[in-house]
Protein backbone atom coordinates (compact mmCIF):
# COMPACT_ATOMS: atom_id res chain seq x y z
CA GLN A 1 98.12 82.38 109.23
CA VAL A 2 99.11 86.51 108.61
CA GLN A 3 102.06 87.02 106.45
CA LEU A 4 104.19 90.23 106.32
CA VAL A 5 105.82 91.06 102.93
CA GLU A 6 108.41 93.58 102.92
CA SER A 7 109.76 95.29 99.81
CA GLY A 8 112.16 98.07 98.48
CA GLY A 9 115.37 98.22 100.06
CA GLY A 10 118.62 97.98 97.91
CA LEU A 11 121.60 99.89 97.05
CA VAL A 12 121.41 103.51 97.44
CA GLN A 13 123.80 106.66 97.73
CA PRO A 14 124.79 108.75 100.61
CA GLY A 15 121.62 111.38 100.68
CA GLY A 16 119.32 109.58 99.06
CA SER A 17 116.17 108.51 99.31
CA MET A 18 114.21 105.17 99.83
CA ARG A 19 110.86 104.03 100.55
CA LEU A 20 110.31 100.46 102.58
CA SER A 21 106.70 99.18 102.56
CA CYS A 22 105.45 96.35 104.74
CA THR A 23 102.09 94.26 103.55
CA ALA A 24 99.91 92.43 105.63
CA SER A 25 98.81 88.86 103.42
CA GLU A 26 95.37 88.72 105.43
CA SER A 27 92.73 91.78 104.23
CA ARG A 28 90.33 91.01 107.28
CA VAL A 29 93.24 91.48 109.88
CA LYS A 30 93.26 94.63 112.07
CA ILE A 31 96.60 96.08 112.70
CA THR A 32 96.60 98.28 115.78
CA VAL A 33 99.98 99.20 115.33
CA THR A 34 102.95 98.99 113.17
CA ARG A 35 106.82 99.36 113.72
CA TRP A 36 109.96 99.20 111.65
CA TYR A 37 113.21 98.67 113.39
CA ARG A 38 116.61 98.02 112.01
CA GLN A 39 119.63 96.06 112.55
CA ALA A 40 123.28 96.68 111.58
CA ALA A 41 125.89 94.19 111.86
CA GLY A 42 127.28 93.67 115.22
CA LYS A 43 124.86 96.13 116.50
CA GLU A 44 121.32 95.92 118.51
CA ARG A 45 118.22 95.99 117.10
CA GLU A 46 116.80 99.51 116.94
CA LEU A 47 113.32 100.78 117.23
CA VAL A 48 113.00 103.40 114.36
CA ALA A 49 109.59 104.50 113.97
CA ALA A 50 105.68 103.50 114.67
CA ILE A 51 102.49 104.17 113.73
CA THR A 52 99.43 103.47 115.75
CA GLY A 53 95.90 102.72 113.89
CA THR A 54 94.87 106.30 114.67
CA ASP A 55 97.77 107.60 112.69
CA ILE A 56 99.77 108.37 115.64
CA THR A 57 103.48 108.14 115.11
CA SER A 58 106.35 108.10 116.99
CA TYR A 59 110.48 107.92 115.99
CA ALA A 60 113.96 107.68 117.48
CA ASP A 61 115.69 110.58 117.78
CA SER A 62 118.16 109.68 115.18
CA VAL A 63 116.00 109.61 112.38
CA LYS A 64 113.44 112.40 113.27
CA GLY A 65 113.28 114.77 110.28
CA ARG A 66 114.26 112.45 107.79
CA PHE A 67 111.82 109.50 107.93
CA THR A 68 108.20 108.77 108.03
CA ILE A 69 106.36 106.00 108.62
CA THR A 70 102.77 106.14 107.14
CA ARG A 71 100.17 103.60 106.40
CA ASP A 72 97.42 102.65 104.11
CA SER A 73 94.62 100.95 105.91
CA ALA A 74 92.92 99.62 102.63
CA LYS A 75 95.71 97.89 101.55
CA ASN A 76 96.76 96.84 105.14
CA THR A 77 100.44 98.05 104.27
CA ALA A 78 102.72 100.25 106.07
CA TYR A 79 105.55 102.21 104.74
CA LEU A 80 108.76 103.95 105.83
CA HIS A 81 109.89 106.78 104.00
CA LYS A 82 113.67 107.87 104.28
CA ASN A 83 115.32 110.80 103.31
CA GLY A 84 119.02 111.84 103.83
CA LEU A 85 120.60 108.45 104.17
CA ARG A 86 123.99 108.35 105.77
CA PRO A 87 126.47 105.86 104.71
CA ASP A 88 125.82 103.61 107.35
CA GLY A 89 126.98 100.38 105.41
CA THR A 90 124.29 97.57 105.23
CA THR A 91 121.45 97.82 107.65
CA ILE A 92 118.44 95.24 107.89
CA TYR A 93 114.78 96.87 107.91
CA LEU A 94 112.49 94.49 109.82
CA CYS A 95 108.78 95.38 110.06
CA ASN A 96 106.28 94.58 112.70
CA MET A 97 102.39 94.60 113.06
CA MET A 98 100.56 94.00 116.06
CA GLY A 99 96.91 92.76 114.75
CA GLY A 100 94.82 89.68 114.10
CA ILE A 101 91.16 89.35 112.62
CA ILE A 102 90.06 88.67 116.15
CA PRO A 103 91.27 89.22 119.59
CA PRO A 104 93.74 88.11 121.23
CA PHE A 105 95.75 90.05 118.70
CA LYS A 106 99.44 88.59 117.84
CA ASP A 107 102.91 90.32 116.98
CA TYR A 108 103.73 89.53 113.18
CA TRP A 109 107.32 89.89 111.93
CA GLY A 110 108.39 90.91 107.88
CA GLN A 111 111.05 88.82 106.40
CA GLY A 112 113.49 91.95 106.52
CA THR A 113 115.08 94.07 103.77
CA GLN A 114 118.20 94.82 103.11
CA LEU A 115 119.31 98.51 102.56
CA ILE A 116 122.97 99.08 101.53
CA VAL A 117 124.04 103.05 101.87
CA SER A 118 127.31 103.47 99.80
CA SER A 119 128.96 105.66 97.37
């Protein structure tokens, strides 16, 4: 069973930076696409960024120019680099990976990590 382990998050001041990590527990798994979502209290989950296995990236308009998604295939890890953080209060970031050892591939989800942007 593949598990995703997220790290990063915590408290950061407005305008600050933060990097989140998401690692698949099984080294043999092939990841075809990784997505980062976020959800604030009382709001719908929002797709923030995505990266494919060929490093094609896409971003929500609200984070373009401030967030960068990258991956390290050797470590089966994806990162979300965030700059210029806005004072949005508390947000949960969720990592999602589509992949597997053999097809059919599945969706896997991280446990979520909390980011608090506040002065």
